[in-house]
Amino acid sequence: MSGFVFFLIPLGLAATALVLGVGIYSLAKGGTFAKENSNKLMRLRVLAQAVTVALMFLFLFLVGKGPAG
């Protein structure tokens, strides 16, 4: 199980970085897309970041627990 969670952590990091990059790009470019979506993108970034941190804590918990038996 910890191997699966370990695989998900880089995906969460990539998703967070991608949403952050799109958000920063839209704010720098400006226009109607930035006005309509900048707040949504930053909320999505916070959600992706929270999920990634939760996955990290879950991984540390599973690794610290050790093999069952």
C-alpha atoms as a PDB file:
ATOM      1  CA  MET A   1       0.000   0.000   0.000  1.00  0.00           C
ATOM      2  CA  SER A   2       2.827   2.418   0.799  1.00  0.00           C
ATOM      3  CA  GLY A   3       4.268   1.837  -2.678  1.00  0.00           C
ATOM      4  CA  PHE A   4       0.995   2.926  -4.262  1.00  0.00           C
ATOM      5  CA  VAL A   5       0.856   6.057  -2.097  1.00  0.00           C
ATOM      6  CA  PHE A   6       4.510   6.760  -2.909  1.00  0.00           C
ATOM      7  CA  PHE A   7       3.561   6.632  -6.607  1.00  0.00           C
ATOM      8  CA  LEU A   8       0.724   9.115  -6.069  1.00  0.00           C
ATOM      9  CA  ILE A   9       2.883  11.763  -4.362  1.00  0.00           C
ATOM     10  CA  PRO A  10       4.737  12.863  -7.542  1.00  0.00           C
ATOM     11  CA  LEU A  11       1.407  13.010  -9.379  1.00  0.00           C
ATOM     12  CA  GLY A  12       0.055  15.320  -6.688  1.00  0.00           C
ATOM     13  CA  LEU A  13       3.178  17.461  -6.861  1.00  0.00           C
ATOM     14  CA  ALA A  14       2.887  17.698 -10.638  1.00  0.00           C
ATOM     15  CA  ALA A  15      -0.807  18.590 -10.437  1.00  0.00           C
ATOM     16  CA  THR A  16      -0.084  21.305  -7.874  1.00  0.00           C
ATOM     17  CA  ALA A  17       2.735  22.741  -9.978  1.00  0.00           C
ATOM     18  CA  LEU A  18       0.610  22.630 -13.129  1.00  0.00           C
ATOM     19  CA  VAL A  19      -2.336  24.453 -11.561  1.00  0.00           C
ATOM     20  CA  LEU A  20       0.015  26.983  -9.983  1.00  0.00           C
ATOM     21  CA  GLY A  21       1.738  27.584 -13.319  1.00  0.00           C
ATOM     22  CA  VAL A  22      -1.538  28.073 -15.177  1.00  0.00           C
ATOM     23  CA  GLY A  23      -2.747  30.425 -12.454  1.00  0.00           C
ATOM     24  CA  ILE A  24       0.397  32.537 -12.503  1.00  0.00           C
ATOM     25  CA  TYR A  25       0.409  32.620 -16.302  1.00  0.00           C
ATOM     26  CA  SER A  26      -3.212  33.730 -16.441  1.00  0.00           C
ATOM     27  CA  LEU A  27      -2.592  36.470 -13.875  1.00  0.00           C
ATOM     28  CA  ALA A  28       0.466  37.686 -15.764  1.00  0.00           C
ATOM     29  CA  LYS A  29      -1.356  37.671 -19.095  1.00  0.00           C
ATOM     30  CA  GLY A  30      -4.507  39.287 -17.741  1.00  0.00           C
ATOM     31  CA  GLY A  31      -7.686  39.552 -19.744  1.00  0.00           C
ATOM     32  CA  THR A  32     -11.065  37.947 -19.287  1.00  0.00           C
ATOM     33  CA  PHE A  33      -9.711  34.454 -18.578  1.00  0.00           C
ATOM     34  CA  ALA A  34      -7.743  35.760 -15.604  1.00  0.00           C
ATOM     35  CA  LYS A  35     -10.702  37.725 -14.282  1.00  0.00           C
ATOM     36  CA  GLU A  36     -13.050  34.747 -14.536  1.00  0.00           C
ATOM     37  CA  ASN A  37     -10.754  31.917 -13.439  1.00  0.00           C
ATOM     38  CA  SER A  38      -7.889  33.186 -11.254  1.00  0.00           C
ATOM     39  CA  ASN A  39      -9.745  32.617  -7.987  1.00  0.00           C
ATOM     40  CA  LYS A  40     -10.916  29.162  -9.090  1.00  0.00           C
ATOM     41  CA  LEU A  41      -7.385  28.201 -10.118  1.00  0.00           C
ATOM     42  CA  MET A  42      -5.888  29.271  -6.804  1.00  0.00           C
ATOM     43  CA  ARG A  43      -8.569  27.353  -4.889  1.00  0.00           C
ATOM     44  CA  LEU A  44      -7.829  24.304  -7.014  1.00  0.00           C
ATOM     45  CA  ARG A  45      -4.124  24.756  -6.258  1.00  0.00           C
ATOM     46  CA  VAL A  46      -4.800  24.831  -2.524  1.00  0.00           C
ATOM     47  CA  LEU A  47      -6.914  21.673  -2.837  1.00  0.00           C
ATOM     48  CA  ALA A  48      -4.230  19.860  -4.857  1.00  0.00           C
ATOM     49  CA  GLN A  49      -1.592  20.962  -2.360  1.00  0.00           C
ATOM     50  CA  ALA A  50      -3.665  19.733   0.599  1.00  0.00           C
ATOM     51  CA  VAL A  51      -4.229  16.355  -1.038  1.00  0.00           C
ATOM     52  CA  THR A  52      -0.505  16.031  -1.756  1.00  0.00           C
ATOM     53  CA  VAL A  53       0.438  16.874   1.834  1.00  0.00           C
ATOM     54  CA  ALA A  54      -2.147  14.367   3.093  1.00  0.00           C
ATOM     55  CA  LEU A  55      -0.633  11.711   0.822  1.00  0.00           C
ATOM     56  CA  MET A  56       2.813  12.494   2.237  1.00  0.00           C
ATOM     57  CA  PHE A  57       1.554  12.083   5.797  1.00  0.00           C
ATOM     58  CA  LEU A  58      -0.225   8.848   4.853  1.00  0.00           C
ATOM     59  CA  PHE A  59       2.979   7.518   3.292  1.00  0.00           C
ATOM     60  CA  LEU A  60       4.993   8.392   6.405  1.00  0.00           C
ATOM     61  CA  PHE A  61       2.363   6.718   8.597  1.00  0.00           C
ATOM     62  CA  LEU A  62       2.390   3.545   6.494  1.00  0.00           C
ATOM     63  CA  VAL A  63       6.184   3.370   6.370  1.00  0.00           C
ATOM     64  CA  GLY A  64       6.493   3.994  10.119  1.00  0.00           C
ATOM     65  CA  LYS A  65       3.933   1.308  10.866  1.00  0.00           C
ATOM     66  CA  GLY A  66       6.121  -1.306   9.217  1.00  0.00           C
ATOM     67  CA  PRO A  67       5.060  -4.668   7.858  1.00  0.00           C
ATOM     68  CA  ALA A  68       2.071  -6.222   9.556  1.00  0.00           C
ATOM     69  CA  GLY A  69       2.712  -9.416  11.379  1.00  0.00           C
END
